[in-house]
Amino acid sequence: MVVAKVGTGFHPERIRKEVRDAGFTAVDIEVTAVGPVSQDGDFLVLELAHEPKGLVLSGGEHFDDLAASVEELGQKIRVRGMLQPSHDDEPPGLTVEVWEIVGD
């Protein structure tokens, strides 16, 4: 397990490349991220202070629970899930395996 320092960002597109360059294959990359959740069109986005600026929340065991909790929009939450690659101009995705409100 690799843990980034609190307050620093990460570059999801580089993670798989770094792992591949080291001679390994990353099947699943689990990420825990904290930030406010917002809606961008049809997407729920976990906003981040550093790069990437957000992760599109989609799929996972508890995505439907989060999506049904519209009162949570704008609140800071912690989400653990599997990192998904970027598509077109969209930010990377994150499945919602576990989530909780962490406050302001």
N, C-alpha and C. Protein backbone atom coordinates (compact mmCIF):
# COMPACT_ATOMS: atom_id res chain seq x y z
N MET A 1 0.84 -1.17 0.00
CA MET A 1 0.00 0.00 0.00
C MET A 1 0.89 1.24 0.00
N VAL A 2 0.52 2.21 -0.83
CA VAL A 2 1.23 3.48 -0.91
C VAL A 2 0.30 4.55 -0.37
N VAL A 3 0.80 5.39 0.50
CA VAL A 3 0.00 6.45 1.09
C VAL A 3 0.64 7.80 0.77
N ALA A 4 -0.14 8.69 0.15
CA ALA A 4 0.36 10.03 -0.14
C ALA A 4 0.27 10.88 1.12
N LYS A 5 1.17 11.84 1.24
CA LYS A 5 1.11 12.76 2.37
C LYS A 5 -0.17 13.58 2.29
N VAL A 6 -0.77 13.85 3.44
CA VAL A 6 -1.98 14.67 3.50
C VAL A 6 -1.68 16.03 2.90
N GLY A 7 -2.59 16.52 2.05
CA GLY A 7 -2.43 17.82 1.44
C GLY A 7 -1.68 17.80 0.13
N THR A 8 -1.27 16.62 -0.32
CA THR A 8 -0.60 16.52 -1.61
C THR A 8 -1.52 15.85 -2.61
N GLY A 9 -1.29 16.11 -3.86
CA GLY A 9 -2.10 15.51 -4.90
C GLY A 9 -1.42 14.27 -5.47
N PHE A 10 -2.08 13.67 -6.43
CA PHE A 10 -1.51 12.54 -7.13
C PHE A 10 -1.98 12.60 -8.56
N HIS A 11 -1.30 11.94 -9.41
CA HIS A 11 -1.64 11.94 -10.83
C HIS A 11 -2.08 10.53 -11.21
N PRO A 12 -3.40 10.28 -11.24
CA PRO A 12 -3.91 8.93 -11.50
C PRO A 12 -3.39 8.32 -12.80
N GLU A 13 -3.25 9.15 -13.82
CA GLU A 13 -2.78 8.61 -15.11
C GLU A 13 -1.34 8.14 -15.03
N ARG A 14 -0.58 8.65 -14.08
CA ARG A 14 0.82 8.23 -13.94
C ARG A 14 0.98 6.95 -13.12
N ILE A 15 0.00 6.64 -12.29
CA ILE A 15 0.14 5.50 -11.40
C ILE A 15 0.35 4.22 -12.18
N ARG A 16 -0.53 3.93 -13.14
CA ARG A 16 -0.39 2.70 -13.92
C ARG A 16 0.92 2.67 -14.70
N LYS A 17 1.33 3.83 -15.25
CA LYS A 17 2.58 3.89 -16.00
C LYS A 17 3.78 3.59 -15.09
N GLU A 18 3.80 4.19 -13.90
CA GLU A 18 4.89 3.96 -12.96
C GLU A 18 4.97 2.49 -12.56
N VAL A 19 3.82 1.88 -12.31
CA VAL A 19 3.78 0.47 -11.94
C VAL A 19 4.27 -0.39 -13.10
N ARG A 20 3.80 -0.09 -14.33
CA ARG A 20 4.21 -0.84 -15.52
C ARG A 20 5.72 -0.67 -15.76
N ASP A 21 6.22 0.57 -15.61
CA ASP A 21 7.65 0.82 -15.81
C ASP A 21 8.52 0.08 -14.80
N ALA A 22 7.95 -0.22 -13.63
CA ALA A 22 8.68 -0.96 -12.61
C ALA A 22 8.61 -2.47 -12.86
N GLY A 23 7.87 -2.88 -13.92
CA GLY A 23 7.81 -4.29 -14.27
C GLY A 23 6.63 -5.04 -13.67
N PHE A 24 5.65 -4.31 -13.16
CA PHE A 24 4.49 -4.94 -12.55
C PHE A 24 3.23 -4.60 -13.34
N THR A 25 2.15 -5.30 -13.04
CA THR A 25 0.86 -5.01 -13.64
C THR A 25 -0.12 -4.65 -12.52
N ALA A 26 -0.71 -3.47 -12.61
CA ALA A 26 -1.71 -3.05 -11.62
C ALA A 26 -3.08 -3.43 -12.13
N VAL A 27 -3.70 -4.38 -11.46
CA VAL A 27 -5.04 -4.79 -11.85
C VAL A 27 -6.06 -3.81 -11.27
N ASP A 28 -6.03 -3.63 -9.98
CA ASP A 28 -6.92 -2.70 -9.29
C ASP A 28 -6.09 -1.75 -8.45
N ILE A 29 -6.48 -0.49 -8.48
CA ILE A 29 -5.82 0.52 -7.64
C ILE A 29 -6.89 1.10 -6.74
N GLU A 30 -6.76 0.84 -5.44
CA GLU A 30 -7.73 1.34 -4.47
C GLU A 30 -7.26 2.70 -3.96
N VAL A 31 -8.19 3.65 -3.93
CA VAL A 31 -7.90 5.01 -3.51
C VAL A 31 -8.89 5.42 -2.42
N THR A 32 -8.40 6.11 -1.42
CA THR A 32 -9.26 6.78 -0.44
C THR A 32 -9.02 8.27 -0.59
N ALA A 33 -10.08 9.02 -0.83
CA ALA A 33 -9.96 10.46 -1.05
C ALA A 33 -11.03 11.19 -0.25
N VAL A 34 -10.73 12.43 0.12
CA VAL A 34 -11.63 13.25 0.93
C VAL A 34 -11.87 14.57 0.23
N GLY A 35 -13.12 15.01 0.19
CA GLY A 35 -13.46 16.30 -0.37
C GLY A 35 -14.96 16.46 -0.42
N PRO A 36 -15.41 17.66 -0.81
CA PRO A 36 -16.85 17.86 -0.96
C PRO A 36 -17.35 17.20 -2.23
N VAL A 37 -18.58 16.72 -2.18
CA VAL A 37 -19.19 16.10 -3.36
C VAL A 37 -20.12 17.12 -4.01
N SER A 38 -20.05 17.19 -5.34
CA SER A 38 -20.90 18.12 -6.08
C SER A 38 -21.49 17.40 -7.28
N GLN A 39 -22.41 18.07 -7.94
CA GLN A 39 -22.99 17.49 -9.14
C GLN A 39 -22.55 18.33 -10.32
N ASP A 40 -22.10 17.67 -11.39
CA ASP A 40 -21.68 18.32 -12.62
C ASP A 40 -22.46 17.66 -13.74
N GLY A 41 -23.58 18.27 -14.12
CA GLY A 41 -24.46 17.65 -15.11
C GLY A 41 -25.03 16.37 -14.55
N ASP A 42 -24.78 15.27 -15.24
CA ASP A 42 -25.27 13.96 -14.79
C ASP A 42 -24.30 13.25 -13.85
N PHE A 43 -23.15 13.88 -13.57
CA PHE A 43 -22.11 13.22 -12.79
C PHE A 43 -22.04 13.73 -11.37
N LEU A 44 -21.72 12.83 -10.43
CA LEU A 44 -21.32 13.22 -9.09
C LEU A 44 -19.80 13.29 -9.09
N VAL A 45 -19.26 14.35 -8.53
CA VAL A 45 -17.82 14.57 -8.55
C VAL A 45 -17.32 14.80 -7.12
N LEU A 46 -16.27 14.11 -6.75
CA LEU A 46 -15.59 14.36 -5.50
C LEU A 46 -14.54 15.41 -5.79
N GLU A 47 -14.72 16.61 -5.26
CA GLU A 47 -13.81 17.71 -5.53
C GLU A 47 -12.56 17.56 -4.66
N LEU A 48 -11.41 17.79 -5.29
CA LEU A 48 -10.13 17.67 -4.59
C LEU A 48 -9.38 18.99 -4.67
N ALA A 49 -8.59 19.29 -3.64
CA ALA A 49 -7.84 20.55 -3.60
C ALA A 49 -6.64 20.52 -4.54
N HIS A 50 -6.14 19.34 -4.85
CA HIS A 50 -4.94 19.19 -5.66
C HIS A 50 -5.27 18.39 -6.91
N GLU A 51 -4.30 18.23 -7.78
CA GLU A 51 -4.50 17.47 -9.01
C GLU A 51 -4.75 16.00 -8.69
N PRO A 52 -5.68 15.36 -9.33
CA PRO A 52 -6.67 15.95 -10.23
C PRO A 52 -7.65 16.76 -9.41
N LYS A 53 -8.32 17.72 -10.02
CA LYS A 53 -9.24 18.61 -9.30
C LYS A 53 -10.53 17.91 -8.89
N GLY A 54 -10.77 16.73 -9.41
CA GLY A 54 -11.96 15.99 -9.03
C GLY A 54 -11.93 14.58 -9.56
N LEU A 55 -12.72 13.72 -8.95
CA LEU A 55 -12.87 12.34 -9.39
C LEU A 55 -14.36 12.11 -9.64
N VAL A 56 -14.71 11.60 -10.81
CA VAL A 56 -16.10 11.28 -11.12
C VAL A 56 -16.46 10.02 -10.34
N LEU A 57 -17.51 10.10 -9.54
CA LEU A 57 -17.95 8.96 -8.75
C LEU A 57 -18.96 8.16 -9.56
N SER A 58 -18.68 6.88 -9.73
CA SER A 58 -19.55 6.05 -10.56
C SER A 58 -19.35 4.59 -10.23
N GLY A 59 -20.44 3.89 -10.05
CA GLY A 59 -20.37 2.45 -9.81
C GLY A 59 -19.89 2.14 -8.40
N GLY A 60 -19.75 0.88 -8.14
CA GLY A 60 -19.31 0.43 -6.83
C GLY A 60 -20.49 0.04 -5.96
N GLU A 61 -20.19 -0.67 -4.89
CA GLU A 61 -21.21 -1.24 -4.01
C GLU A 61 -22.14 -0.19 -3.40
N HIS A 62 -21.64 1.02 -3.12
CA HIS A 62 -22.45 2.02 -2.42
C HIS A 62 -22.68 3.30 -3.23
N PHE A 63 -22.48 3.25 -4.54
CA PHE A 63 -22.73 4.44 -5.35
C PHE A 63 -24.20 4.85 -5.28
N ASP A 64 -25.12 3.89 -5.40
CA ASP A 64 -26.54 4.23 -5.38
C ASP A 64 -26.94 4.87 -4.05
N ASP A 65 -26.35 4.40 -2.94
CA ASP A 65 -26.63 5.01 -1.64
C ASP A 65 -26.20 6.47 -1.62
N LEU A 66 -25.02 6.75 -2.14
CA LEU A 66 -24.52 8.12 -2.19
C LEU A 66 -25.38 8.97 -3.12
N ALA A 67 -25.68 8.45 -4.29
CA ALA A 67 -26.47 9.21 -5.28
C ALA A 67 -27.86 9.54 -4.74
N ALA A 68 -28.42 8.66 -3.92
CA ALA A 68 -29.75 8.91 -3.35
C ALA A 68 -29.71 9.91 -2.20
N SER A 69 -28.51 10.23 -1.72
CA SER A 69 -28.35 11.13 -0.58
C SER A 69 -28.03 12.54 -1.06
N VAL A 70 -28.93 13.14 -1.81
CA VAL A 70 -28.66 14.46 -2.39
C VAL A 70 -28.38 15.51 -1.33
N GLU A 71 -28.86 15.31 -0.10
CA GLU A 71 -28.58 16.27 0.96
C GLU A 71 -27.10 16.31 1.33
N GLU A 72 -26.35 15.31 0.87
CA GLU A 72 -24.92 15.27 1.17
C GLU A 72 -24.11 16.16 0.22
N LEU A 73 -24.73 16.65 -0.85
CA LEU A 73 -24.00 17.50 -1.80
C LEU A 73 -23.42 18.70 -1.06
N GLY A 74 -22.17 18.98 -1.34
CA GLY A 74 -21.49 20.11 -0.71
C GLY A 74 -20.81 19.74 0.59
N GLN A 75 -21.18 18.63 1.20
CA GLN A 75 -20.53 18.21 2.43
C GLN A 75 -19.24 17.46 2.11
N LYS A 76 -18.30 17.54 3.03
CA LYS A 76 -17.04 16.81 2.85
C LYS A 76 -17.27 15.35 3.20
N ILE A 77 -16.86 14.47 2.29
CA ILE A 77 -17.00 13.04 2.52
C ILE A 77 -15.66 12.35 2.26
N ARG A 78 -15.54 11.15 2.79
CA ARG A 78 -14.40 10.27 2.51
C ARG A 78 -14.94 9.12 1.69
N VAL A 79 -14.29 8.85 0.56
CA VAL A 79 -14.72 7.77 -0.33
C VAL A 79 -13.54 6.83 -0.55
N ARG A 80 -13.81 5.54 -0.44
CA ARG A 80 -12.82 4.53 -0.81
C ARG A 80 -13.39 3.75 -1.99
N GLY A 81 -12.57 3.60 -3.01
CA GLY A 81 -13.02 2.86 -4.18
C GLY A 81 -11.88 2.55 -5.13
N MET A 82 -12.24 2.00 -6.26
CA MET A 82 -11.27 1.62 -7.27
C MET A 82 -11.11 2.74 -8.30
N LEU A 83 -9.88 3.10 -8.56
CA LEU A 83 -9.57 4.16 -9.51
C LEU A 83 -9.89 3.69 -10.92
N GLN A 84 -10.55 4.54 -11.67
CA GLN A 84 -10.92 4.25 -13.06
C GLN A 84 -10.18 5.24 -13.97
N PRO A 85 -9.83 4.84 -15.17
CA PRO A 85 -9.10 5.75 -16.06
C PRO A 85 -9.96 6.91 -16.54
N SER A 86 -9.30 7.97 -17.01
CA SER A 86 -9.99 9.11 -17.61
C SER A 86 -10.57 8.69 -18.94
N HIS A 87 -11.67 9.33 -19.33
CA HIS A 87 -12.28 9.10 -20.64
C HIS A 87 -12.48 10.46 -21.29
N ASP A 88 -11.98 10.61 -22.50
CA ASP A 88 -12.09 11.87 -23.24
C ASP A 88 -11.55 12.99 -22.36
N ASP A 89 -12.35 14.02 -22.13
CA ASP A 89 -11.91 15.15 -21.32
C ASP A 89 -12.40 15.07 -19.89
N GLU A 90 -12.99 13.94 -19.51
CA GLU A 90 -13.50 13.77 -18.16
C GLU A 90 -12.35 13.43 -17.21
N PRO A 91 -12.48 13.83 -15.93
CA PRO A 91 -11.45 13.44 -14.96
C PRO A 91 -11.53 11.95 -14.69
N PRO A 92 -10.54 11.39 -14.02
CA PRO A 92 -10.58 9.97 -13.69
C PRO A 92 -11.79 9.67 -12.82
N GLY A 93 -12.17 8.40 -12.78
CA GLY A 93 -13.32 7.97 -12.00
C GLY A 93 -12.90 7.24 -10.74
N LEU A 94 -13.85 7.13 -9.83
CA LEU A 94 -13.65 6.39 -8.60
C LEU A 94 -14.95 5.68 -8.27
N THR A 95 -14.89 4.36 -8.11
CA THR A 95 -16.08 3.64 -7.67
C THR A 95 -16.32 3.98 -6.20
N VAL A 96 -17.55 3.78 -5.74
CA VAL A 96 -17.90 4.09 -4.36
C VAL A 96 -18.11 2.77 -3.63
N GLU A 97 -17.06 2.28 -3.00
CA GLU A 97 -17.15 1.03 -2.24
C GLU A 97 -17.55 1.33 -0.79
N VAL A 98 -17.02 2.43 -0.25
CA VAL A 98 -17.32 2.87 1.12
C VAL A 98 -17.33 4.39 1.11
N TRP A 99 -18.30 5.00 1.79
CA TRP A 99 -18.28 6.46 1.93
C TRP A 99 -18.85 6.85 3.28
N GLU A 100 -18.40 8.03 3.76
CA GLU A 100 -18.90 8.57 5.02
C GLU A 100 -18.71 10.07 5.02
N ILE A 101 -19.58 10.75 5.75
CA ILE A 101 -19.44 12.19 5.94
C ILE A 101 -18.34 12.42 6.97
N VAL A 102 -17.44 13.37 6.68
CA VAL A 102 -16.36 13.66 7.60
C VAL A 102 -16.44 15.08 8.16
N GLY A 103 -17.43 15.84 7.77
CA GLY A 103 -17.60 17.20 8.31
C GLY A 103 -17.05 18.25 7.39
N ASP A 104 -16.95 19.47 7.92
CA ASP A 104 -16.53 20.62 7.13
C ASP A 104 -15.04 20.66 6.92
